[in-house]
Amino acid sequence: MKNIILIGMPGTGKSVVGRALAARLQAAFVDVDDLIVEKTGKTLPEILRTDGLDAFLKIEGKIGAELACENTVVATGGSMVLSEEAMAHLREDGVVVWLETPLSRISDRMPEDLTDRGIAAAPGMTIREIYRQRESLYAQHADLIVASRDGSDDTAHQVETILRTVGVAL
C-alpha cells in the first residue's frame, strides 16, 4: 500500500480522520505534530514562542523530508506544504489527499490566539490570511481533494472510497 498523506488547514481534522482512516485500512498512523514534539521535547506553541516561526518550519520540513514509513496514514501539519523538499519526499511513496474544509468552519474551530493552537504563521496573521497563503499550495501538492465532512469516520470512509475508486492500492 502506498502511504496516504493528509494535508490541509489546521482544524480540518487531519489527525482524527487519519486515525479513523488508518483503522479502516488496517494501516499504521503517524501524526507529524507528535513527531515534532518527540524530537524537540516542546509543544508546538512552545516552539513557536521560544524558537520562532522559521525554526518551527525548519523542524517540520526536516521531519517531513526524512520520514520513512510504509503502509501508513500520515497526518501532516497544516504548514507542511510550505516545504517543497518535504512534500516531494512524501509524494515519492504516497498519495497526497487534501482534506478541504470551508474557511468558515475552520474559523469556528480556531482560538483567538493562533499560536495557542500551535499554528505556524507570522504574528498577527488571521486564519483567512493563512488560508489564502496556503490554498494554492494544497491544490498544487494534492493528488486528490476530498471535502471534509462532519464526523471523522464519515470523512475517512469518503477518503477510502475515493482511493479505491481511483485505483490506489490499499
N, C-alpha and C. Protein backbone atom coordinates (compact mmCIF):
# COMPACT_ATOMS: atom_id res chain seq x y z
N MET A 1 0.84 -1.19 0.00
CA MET A 1 0.00 0.00 0.00
C MET A 1 0.88 1.24 0.00
N LYS A 2 0.50 2.20 -0.80
CA LYS A 2 1.17 3.49 -0.75
C LYS A 2 0.77 4.18 0.56
N ASN A 3 1.64 5.04 1.05
CA ASN A 3 1.27 5.85 2.20
C ASN A 3 0.16 6.81 1.76
N ILE A 4 -0.68 7.17 2.69
CA ILE A 4 -1.73 8.16 2.45
C ILE A 4 -1.31 9.39 3.26
N ILE A 5 -1.05 10.48 2.56
CA ILE A 5 -0.55 11.71 3.19
C ILE A 5 -1.70 12.71 3.23
N LEU A 6 -2.13 13.07 4.44
CA LEU A 6 -3.23 14.02 4.59
C LEU A 6 -2.67 15.42 4.79
N ILE A 7 -3.13 16.34 3.94
CA ILE A 7 -2.74 17.75 4.06
C ILE A 7 -4.00 18.58 4.21
N GLY A 8 -3.83 19.80 4.67
CA GLY A 8 -4.96 20.70 4.80
C GLY A 8 -4.73 21.69 5.93
N MET A 9 -5.63 22.63 6.01
CA MET A 9 -5.53 23.67 7.03
C MET A 9 -5.63 23.09 8.43
N PRO A 10 -5.06 23.81 9.41
CA PRO A 10 -5.30 23.43 10.79
C PRO A 10 -6.81 23.43 11.05
N GLY A 11 -7.26 22.49 11.83
CA GLY A 11 -8.69 22.43 12.15
C GLY A 11 -9.52 21.64 11.16
N THR A 12 -8.88 21.02 10.15
CA THR A 12 -9.66 20.23 9.19
C THR A 12 -9.88 18.80 9.68
N GLY A 13 -9.17 18.42 10.72
CA GLY A 13 -9.34 17.07 11.26
C GLY A 13 -8.37 16.05 10.70
N LYS A 14 -7.20 16.48 10.24
CA LYS A 14 -6.25 15.54 9.67
C LYS A 14 -5.89 14.42 10.65
N SER A 15 -5.70 14.77 11.90
CA SER A 15 -5.31 13.76 12.90
C SER A 15 -6.44 12.78 13.20
N VAL A 16 -7.63 13.29 13.47
CA VAL A 16 -8.73 12.37 13.81
C VAL A 16 -9.18 11.57 12.59
N VAL A 17 -9.23 12.20 11.43
CA VAL A 17 -9.57 11.47 10.21
C VAL A 17 -8.47 10.45 9.90
N GLY A 18 -7.21 10.86 10.10
CA GLY A 18 -6.10 9.96 9.85
C GLY A 18 -6.16 8.71 10.70
N ARG A 19 -6.47 8.87 11.98
CA ARG A 19 -6.59 7.71 12.86
C ARG A 19 -7.73 6.80 12.39
N ALA A 20 -8.86 7.40 12.06
CA ALA A 20 -10.02 6.61 11.60
C ALA A 20 -9.71 5.91 10.27
N LEU A 21 -9.04 6.60 9.36
CA LEU A 21 -8.69 6.02 8.07
C LEU A 21 -7.69 4.88 8.25
N ALA A 22 -6.70 5.07 9.11
CA ALA A 22 -5.72 4.02 9.37
C ALA A 22 -6.41 2.77 9.93
N ALA A 23 -7.37 2.96 10.81
CA ALA A 23 -8.10 1.82 11.37
C ALA A 23 -8.89 1.11 10.26
N ARG A 24 -9.53 1.89 9.40
CA ARG A 24 -10.31 1.30 8.30
C ARG A 24 -9.43 0.50 7.35
N LEU A 25 -8.21 1.01 7.11
CA LEU A 25 -7.30 0.39 6.14
C LEU A 25 -6.35 -0.63 6.79
N GLN A 26 -6.45 -0.77 8.11
CA GLN A 26 -5.52 -1.61 8.87
C GLN A 26 -4.08 -1.21 8.57
N ALA A 27 -3.86 0.08 8.64
CA ALA A 27 -2.54 0.66 8.37
C ALA A 27 -2.02 1.32 9.64
N ALA A 28 -0.74 1.65 9.62
CA ALA A 28 -0.15 2.42 10.72
C ALA A 28 -0.59 3.87 10.60
N PHE A 29 -0.42 4.63 11.67
CA PHE A 29 -0.76 6.05 11.66
C PHE A 29 0.39 6.84 12.27
N VAL A 30 0.73 7.96 11.62
CA VAL A 30 1.75 8.87 12.13
C VAL A 30 1.21 10.29 12.05
N ASP A 31 1.36 11.00 13.15
CA ASP A 31 1.00 12.42 13.19
C ASP A 31 2.29 13.21 13.28
N VAL A 32 2.58 14.00 12.26
CA VAL A 32 3.84 14.74 12.21
C VAL A 32 3.96 15.70 13.40
N ASP A 33 2.86 16.28 13.84
CA ASP A 33 2.92 17.16 15.02
C ASP A 33 3.46 16.40 16.23
N ASP A 34 3.05 15.14 16.40
CA ASP A 34 3.57 14.33 17.51
C ASP A 34 5.06 14.08 17.35
N LEU A 35 5.51 13.86 16.12
CA LEU A 35 6.94 13.64 15.88
C LEU A 35 7.75 14.89 16.22
N ILE A 36 7.19 16.06 15.93
CA ILE A 36 7.87 17.32 16.27
C ILE A 36 8.03 17.44 17.78
N VAL A 37 6.96 17.13 18.51
CA VAL A 37 7.01 17.19 19.97
C VAL A 37 8.03 16.19 20.52
N GLU A 38 8.04 14.97 19.98
CA GLU A 38 9.01 13.95 20.42
C GLU A 38 10.44 14.40 20.16
N LYS A 39 10.67 14.96 18.98
CA LYS A 39 12.03 15.36 18.59
C LYS A 39 12.55 16.53 19.43
N THR A 40 11.68 17.49 19.71
CA THR A 40 12.13 18.71 20.38
C THR A 40 11.91 18.70 21.89
N GLY A 41 10.99 17.87 22.36
CA GLY A 41 10.65 17.90 23.78
C GLY A 41 9.82 19.12 24.16
N LYS A 42 9.29 19.80 23.16
CA LYS A 42 8.47 21.01 23.39
C LYS A 42 7.15 20.86 22.66
N THR A 43 6.13 21.54 23.16
CA THR A 43 4.86 21.58 22.45
C THR A 43 5.01 22.51 21.25
N LEU A 44 4.09 22.41 20.31
CA LEU A 44 4.15 23.30 19.14
C LEU A 44 4.09 24.77 19.55
N PRO A 45 3.15 25.18 20.44
CA PRO A 45 3.15 26.59 20.86
C PRO A 45 4.47 27.01 21.52
N GLU A 46 5.09 26.12 22.30
CA GLU A 46 6.38 26.45 22.93
C GLU A 46 7.45 26.71 21.87
N ILE A 47 7.49 25.86 20.86
CA ILE A 47 8.49 26.05 19.79
C ILE A 47 8.27 27.40 19.11
N LEU A 48 7.02 27.68 18.77
CA LEU A 48 6.72 28.94 18.08
C LEU A 48 7.07 30.15 18.95
N ARG A 49 6.79 30.06 20.25
CA ARG A 49 7.06 31.20 21.13
C ARG A 49 8.54 31.36 21.46
N THR A 50 9.25 30.25 21.68
CA THR A 50 10.64 30.36 22.13
C THR A 50 11.65 30.34 20.98
N ASP A 51 11.37 29.56 19.96
CA ASP A 51 12.34 29.42 18.87
C ASP A 51 11.95 30.21 17.61
N GLY A 52 10.66 30.49 17.47
CA GLY A 52 10.19 31.28 16.35
C GLY A 52 9.66 30.45 15.19
N LEU A 53 8.99 31.15 14.29
CA LEU A 53 8.34 30.53 13.15
C LEU A 53 9.33 29.83 12.22
N ASP A 54 10.43 30.48 11.89
CA ASP A 54 11.39 29.88 10.96
C ASP A 54 11.97 28.57 11.50
N ALA A 55 12.27 28.55 12.80
CA ALA A 55 12.80 27.32 13.41
C ALA A 55 11.75 26.22 13.37
N PHE A 56 10.51 26.57 13.65
CA PHE A 56 9.43 25.58 13.60
C PHE A 56 9.31 24.99 12.20
N LEU A 57 9.26 25.86 11.19
CA LEU A 57 9.11 25.38 9.81
C LEU A 57 10.30 24.52 9.39
N LYS A 58 11.49 24.86 9.87
CA LYS A 58 12.68 24.07 9.54
C LYS A 58 12.57 22.67 10.15
N ILE A 59 12.15 22.59 11.41
CA ILE A 59 11.98 21.29 12.08
C ILE A 59 10.92 20.46 11.36
N GLU A 60 9.78 21.08 11.09
CA GLU A 60 8.69 20.37 10.43
C GLU A 60 9.12 19.87 9.05
N GLY A 61 9.78 20.72 8.29
CA GLY A 61 10.23 20.33 6.95
C GLY A 61 11.24 19.21 6.99
N LYS A 62 12.15 19.26 7.96
CA LYS A 62 13.17 18.21 8.10
C LYS A 62 12.51 16.87 8.42
N ILE A 63 11.56 16.87 9.33
CA ILE A 63 10.86 15.63 9.69
C ILE A 63 10.11 15.09 8.47
N GLY A 64 9.43 15.96 7.74
CA GLY A 64 8.72 15.53 6.54
C GLY A 64 9.65 14.99 5.47
N ALA A 65 10.82 15.61 5.32
CA ALA A 65 11.78 15.20 4.29
C ALA A 65 12.48 13.90 4.64
N GLU A 66 12.50 13.55 5.93
CA GLU A 66 13.21 12.35 6.36
C GLU A 66 12.27 11.22 6.78
N LEU A 67 10.98 11.44 6.76
CA LEU A 67 10.03 10.44 7.24
C LEU A 67 10.13 9.18 6.38
N ALA A 68 10.34 8.06 7.05
CA ALA A 68 10.44 6.78 6.35
C ALA A 68 9.39 5.84 6.93
N CYS A 69 8.39 5.50 6.12
CA CYS A 69 7.34 4.60 6.57
C CYS A 69 6.70 3.93 5.38
N GLU A 70 6.01 2.84 5.66
CA GLU A 70 5.26 2.10 4.64
C GLU A 70 3.89 1.77 5.20
N ASN A 71 2.92 1.66 4.32
CA ASN A 71 1.56 1.29 4.73
C ASN A 71 1.07 2.15 5.90
N THR A 72 1.25 3.45 5.73
CA THR A 72 0.98 4.38 6.83
C THR A 72 0.11 5.54 6.35
N VAL A 73 -0.81 5.93 7.22
CA VAL A 73 -1.56 7.17 7.02
C VAL A 73 -0.81 8.24 7.80
N VAL A 74 -0.43 9.31 7.11
CA VAL A 74 0.36 10.38 7.72
C VAL A 74 -0.47 11.66 7.78
N ALA A 75 -0.67 12.16 9.00
CA ALA A 75 -1.31 13.46 9.18
C ALA A 75 -0.20 14.50 9.28
N THR A 76 -0.12 15.36 8.28
CA THR A 76 0.92 16.40 8.30
C THR A 76 0.41 17.60 9.09
N GLY A 77 1.34 18.47 9.44
CA GLY A 77 0.94 19.75 9.99
C GLY A 77 0.42 20.62 8.85
N GLY A 78 -0.42 21.57 9.18
CA GLY A 78 -1.02 22.42 8.15
C GLY A 78 0.00 23.19 7.33
N SER A 79 1.19 23.40 7.90
CA SER A 79 2.21 24.18 7.21
C SER A 79 3.22 23.31 6.45
N MET A 80 3.04 21.99 6.45
CA MET A 80 3.99 21.11 5.76
C MET A 80 4.13 21.49 4.28
N VAL A 81 3.05 21.98 3.67
CA VAL A 81 3.10 22.32 2.24
C VAL A 81 4.05 23.49 1.96
N LEU A 82 4.52 24.16 2.98
CA LEU A 82 5.48 25.25 2.79
C LEU A 82 6.88 24.71 2.52
N SER A 83 7.09 23.41 2.72
CA SER A 83 8.39 22.78 2.47
C SER A 83 8.32 21.94 1.20
N GLU A 84 8.91 22.45 0.13
CA GLU A 84 8.94 21.72 -1.14
C GLU A 84 9.66 20.39 -0.99
N GLU A 85 10.78 20.41 -0.26
CA GLU A 85 11.57 19.19 -0.09
C GLU A 85 10.76 18.12 0.63
N ALA A 86 10.08 18.50 1.70
CA ALA A 86 9.27 17.53 2.44
C ALA A 86 8.15 16.97 1.58
N MET A 87 7.46 17.84 0.87
CA MET A 87 6.33 17.37 0.06
C MET A 87 6.80 16.46 -1.08
N ALA A 88 7.94 16.78 -1.68
CA ALA A 88 8.47 15.92 -2.74
C ALA A 88 8.80 14.54 -2.18
N HIS A 89 9.39 14.50 -1.00
CA HIS A 89 9.73 13.22 -0.37
C HIS A 89 8.46 12.43 -0.02
N LEU A 90 7.49 13.08 0.56
CA LEU A 90 6.25 12.39 0.97
C LEU A 90 5.50 11.83 -0.24
N ARG A 91 5.58 12.53 -1.35
CA ARG A 91 4.87 12.07 -2.56
C ARG A 91 5.55 10.87 -3.22
N GLU A 92 6.84 10.66 -2.94
CA GLU A 92 7.56 9.55 -3.57
C GLU A 92 6.87 8.21 -3.33
N ASP A 93 6.42 7.98 -2.11
CA ASP A 93 5.78 6.71 -1.76
C ASP A 93 4.37 6.91 -1.23
N GLY A 94 3.76 8.02 -1.60
CA GLY A 94 2.45 8.29 -1.04
C GLY A 94 1.50 8.99 -1.99
N VAL A 95 0.25 8.90 -1.64
CA VAL A 95 -0.81 9.63 -2.33
C VAL A 95 -1.21 10.76 -1.39
N VAL A 96 -1.17 11.99 -1.90
CA VAL A 96 -1.46 13.16 -1.08
C VAL A 96 -2.93 13.52 -1.23
N VAL A 97 -3.62 13.55 -0.08
CA VAL A 97 -5.05 13.85 -0.05
C VAL A 97 -5.25 15.15 0.72
N TRP A 98 -5.84 16.14 0.04
CA TRP A 98 -6.15 17.41 0.68
C TRP A 98 -7.55 17.31 1.28
N LEU A 99 -7.62 17.41 2.61
CA LEU A 99 -8.91 17.48 3.29
C LEU A 99 -9.35 18.94 3.25
N GLU A 100 -10.17 19.24 2.29
CA GLU A 100 -10.58 20.62 2.08
C GLU A 100 -11.79 20.92 2.95
N THR A 101 -11.69 21.99 3.69
CA THR A 101 -12.73 22.40 4.63
C THR A 101 -13.03 23.87 4.40
N PRO A 102 -14.31 24.26 4.40
CA PRO A 102 -14.64 25.67 4.21
C PRO A 102 -13.99 26.55 5.28
N LEU A 103 -13.54 27.71 4.85
CA LEU A 103 -12.89 28.65 5.76
C LEU A 103 -13.78 28.98 6.96
N SER A 104 -15.08 29.10 6.75
CA SER A 104 -15.98 29.44 7.85
C SER A 104 -15.95 28.37 8.94
N ARG A 105 -15.87 27.11 8.55
CA ARG A 105 -15.81 26.02 9.53
C ARG A 105 -14.47 26.02 10.26
N ILE A 106 -13.39 26.27 9.53
CA ILE A 106 -12.07 26.33 10.15
C ILE A 106 -12.02 27.47 11.16
N SER A 107 -12.54 28.62 10.77
CA SER A 107 -12.53 29.80 11.65
C SER A 107 -13.26 29.52 12.96
N ASP A 108 -14.36 28.80 12.88
CA ASP A 108 -15.14 28.47 14.08
C ASP A 108 -14.36 27.60 15.05
N ARG A 109 -13.40 26.84 14.55
CA ARG A 109 -12.65 25.90 15.38
C ARG A 109 -11.37 26.49 15.97
N MET A 110 -11.01 27.70 15.56
CA MET A 110 -9.73 28.27 15.96
C MET A 110 -9.85 29.19 17.16
N PRO A 111 -8.84 29.15 18.06
CA PRO A 111 -8.82 30.09 19.19
C PRO A 111 -8.43 31.48 18.70
N GLU A 112 -8.64 32.45 19.56
CA GLU A 112 -8.28 33.83 19.24
C GLU A 112 -6.79 33.94 18.91
N ASP A 113 -5.96 33.35 19.78
CA ASP A 113 -4.51 33.38 19.59
C ASP A 113 -4.11 32.09 18.88
N LEU A 114 -3.76 32.19 17.60
CA LEU A 114 -3.44 31.01 16.80
C LEU A 114 -2.19 30.29 17.29
N THR A 115 -1.29 31.01 17.95
CA THR A 115 -0.09 30.38 18.50
C THR A 115 -0.47 29.37 19.57
N ASP A 116 -1.55 29.65 20.32
CA ASP A 116 -2.01 28.71 21.35
C ASP A 116 -2.35 27.36 20.74
N ARG A 117 -2.74 27.34 19.50
CA ARG A 117 -3.12 26.10 18.80
C ARG A 117 -1.91 25.49 18.09
N GLY A 118 -0.77 26.19 18.15
CA GLY A 118 0.43 25.67 17.50
C GLY A 118 0.42 25.86 16.00
N ILE A 119 -0.24 26.90 15.54
CA ILE A 119 -0.35 27.15 14.10
C ILE A 119 0.84 28.00 13.64
N ALA A 120 1.55 27.48 12.67
CA ALA A 120 2.75 28.15 12.16
C ALA A 120 2.34 29.28 11.22
N ALA A 121 2.43 30.50 11.73
CA ALA A 121 2.09 31.68 10.93
C ALA A 121 2.78 32.89 11.55
N ALA A 122 2.99 33.88 10.73
CA ALA A 122 3.59 35.11 11.22
C ALA A 122 2.68 35.75 12.26
N PRO A 123 3.25 36.41 13.25
CA PRO A 123 2.43 37.06 14.28
C PRO A 123 1.40 38.00 13.65
N GLY A 124 0.19 37.92 14.14
CA GLY A 124 -0.86 38.81 13.67
C GLY A 124 -1.63 38.31 12.45
N MET A 125 -1.16 37.23 11.82
CA MET A 125 -1.88 36.69 10.65
C MET A 125 -3.22 36.12 11.10
N THR A 126 -4.23 36.36 10.30
CA THR A 126 -5.54 35.78 10.58
C THR A 126 -5.65 34.42 9.91
N ILE A 127 -6.62 33.64 10.32
CA ILE A 127 -6.82 32.33 9.71
C ILE A 127 -7.17 32.50 8.23
N ARG A 128 -7.87 33.57 7.89
CA ARG A 128 -8.20 33.85 6.49
C ARG A 128 -6.93 34.09 5.67
N GLU A 129 -5.99 34.86 6.23
CA GLU A 129 -4.73 35.14 5.53
C GLU A 129 -3.89 33.87 5.36
N ILE A 130 -3.89 33.03 6.39
CA ILE A 130 -3.17 31.76 6.31
C ILE A 130 -3.79 30.89 5.22
N TYR A 131 -5.11 30.83 5.17
CA TYR A 131 -5.82 30.04 4.17
C TYR A 131 -5.46 30.52 2.76
N ARG A 132 -5.48 31.83 2.58
CA ARG A 132 -5.14 32.40 1.26
C ARG A 132 -3.69 32.07 0.87
N GLN A 133 -2.80 32.10 1.85
CA GLN A 133 -1.39 31.82 1.60
C GLN A 133 -1.19 30.36 1.17
N ARG A 134 -1.93 29.46 1.78
CA ARG A 134 -1.68 28.02 1.59
C ARG A 134 -2.59 27.33 0.60
N GLU A 135 -3.74 27.89 0.30
CA GLU A 135 -4.73 27.20 -0.53
C GLU A 135 -4.13 26.71 -1.85
N SER A 136 -3.39 27.56 -2.54
CA SER A 136 -2.82 27.14 -3.83
C SER A 136 -1.76 26.05 -3.64
N LEU A 137 -1.06 26.06 -2.50
CA LEU A 137 -0.07 25.01 -2.23
C LEU A 137 -0.75 23.68 -1.97
N TYR A 138 -1.86 23.71 -1.24
CA TYR A 138 -2.61 22.46 -1.02
C TYR A 138 -3.05 21.90 -2.37
N ALA A 139 -3.58 22.75 -3.21
CA ALA A 139 -4.05 22.31 -4.54
C ALA A 139 -2.89 21.78 -5.38
N GLN A 140 -1.76 22.45 -5.32
CA GLN A 140 -0.58 22.05 -6.10
C GLN A 140 -0.07 20.68 -5.69
N HIS A 141 -0.05 20.39 -4.41
CA HIS A 141 0.54 19.15 -3.92
C HIS A 141 -0.45 17.99 -3.87
N ALA A 142 -1.74 18.26 -3.94
CA ALA A 142 -2.74 17.21 -3.76
C ALA A 142 -2.88 16.33 -5.00
N ASP A 143 -2.89 15.02 -4.76
CA ASP A 143 -3.26 14.08 -5.81
C ASP A 143 -4.79 13.97 -5.86
N LEU A 144 -5.41 14.10 -4.69
CA LEU A 144 -6.87 14.02 -4.57
C LEU A 144 -7.34 15.10 -3.60
N ILE A 145 -8.52 15.62 -3.87
CA ILE A 145 -9.13 16.60 -2.96
C ILE A 145 -10.42 15.99 -2.45
N VAL A 146 -10.57 15.96 -1.12
CA VAL A 146 -11.76 15.39 -0.50
C VAL A 146 -12.37 16.47 0.39
N ALA A 147 -13.66 16.72 0.18
CA ALA A 147 -14.36 17.68 1.03
C ALA A 147 -14.54 17.06 2.40
N SER A 148 -13.97 17.69 3.40
CA SER A 148 -14.08 17.20 4.76
C SER A 148 -15.53 17.31 5.22
N ARG A 149 -16.02 16.26 5.86
CA ARG A 149 -17.41 16.21 6.32
C ARG A 149 -17.45 16.29 7.84
N ASP A 150 -18.65 16.47 8.37
CA ASP A 150 -18.82 16.38 9.81
C ASP A 150 -18.65 14.92 10.20
N GLY A 151 -17.85 14.66 11.18
CA GLY A 151 -17.62 13.29 11.62
C GLY A 151 -16.39 12.71 10.96
N SER A 152 -15.40 12.38 11.78
CA SER A 152 -14.14 11.88 11.24
C SER A 152 -14.32 10.57 10.50
N ASP A 153 -15.20 9.68 10.98
CA ASP A 153 -15.36 8.40 10.31
C ASP A 153 -16.03 8.57 8.95
N ASP A 154 -16.96 9.52 8.84
CA ASP A 154 -17.58 9.80 7.54
C ASP A 154 -16.54 10.28 6.53
N THR A 155 -15.67 11.16 6.99
CA THR A 155 -14.62 11.67 6.10
C THR A 155 -13.64 10.55 5.75
N ALA A 156 -13.28 9.73 6.74
CA ALA A 156 -12.37 8.62 6.49
C ALA A 156 -12.97 7.65 5.47
N HIS A 157 -14.25 7.38 5.61
CA HIS A 157 -14.94 6.49 4.67
C HIS A 157 -14.92 7.09 3.26
N GLN A 158 -15.16 8.40 3.18
CA GLN A 158 -15.15 9.08 1.89
C GLN A 158 -13.76 9.01 1.26
N VAL A 159 -12.70 9.23 2.04
CA VAL A 159 -11.32 9.14 1.52
C VAL A 159 -11.06 7.72 1.03
N GLU A 160 -11.42 6.73 1.83
CA GLU A 160 -11.21 5.33 1.43
C GLU A 160 -11.93 5.01 0.13
N THR A 161 -13.17 5.43 0.01
CA THR A 161 -13.96 5.17 -1.19
C THR A 161 -13.31 5.80 -2.42
N ILE A 162 -12.87 7.03 -2.30
CA ILE A 162 -12.24 7.73 -3.43
C ILE A 162 -10.93 7.05 -3.81
N LEU A 163 -10.13 6.67 -2.80
CA LEU A 163 -8.87 5.98 -3.10
C LEU A 163 -9.11 4.69 -3.85
N ARG A 164 -10.11 3.93 -3.43
CA ARG A 164 -10.43 2.67 -4.11
C ARG A 164 -10.96 2.95 -5.53
N THR A 165 -11.75 3.99 -5.68
CA THR A 165 -12.32 4.34 -6.99
C THR A 165 -11.24 4.70 -8.00
N VAL A 166 -10.22 5.40 -7.54
CA VAL A 166 -9.15 5.81 -8.47
C VAL A 166 -8.05 4.76 -8.58
N GLY A 167 -8.23 3.65 -7.86
CA GLY A 167 -7.32 2.52 -8.04
C GLY A 167 -6.05 2.57 -7.24
N VAL A 168 -6.04 3.32 -6.15
CA VAL A 168 -4.86 3.33 -5.28
C VAL A 168 -4.83 2.00 -4.53
N ALA A 169 -3.70 1.34 -4.55
CA ALA A 169 -3.56 0.05 -3.87
C ALA A 169 -3.68 0.24 -2.36
N LEU A 170 -4.72 -0.35 -1.80
CA LEU A 170 -4.93 -0.24 -0.36
C LEU A 170 -4.80 -1.59 0.30
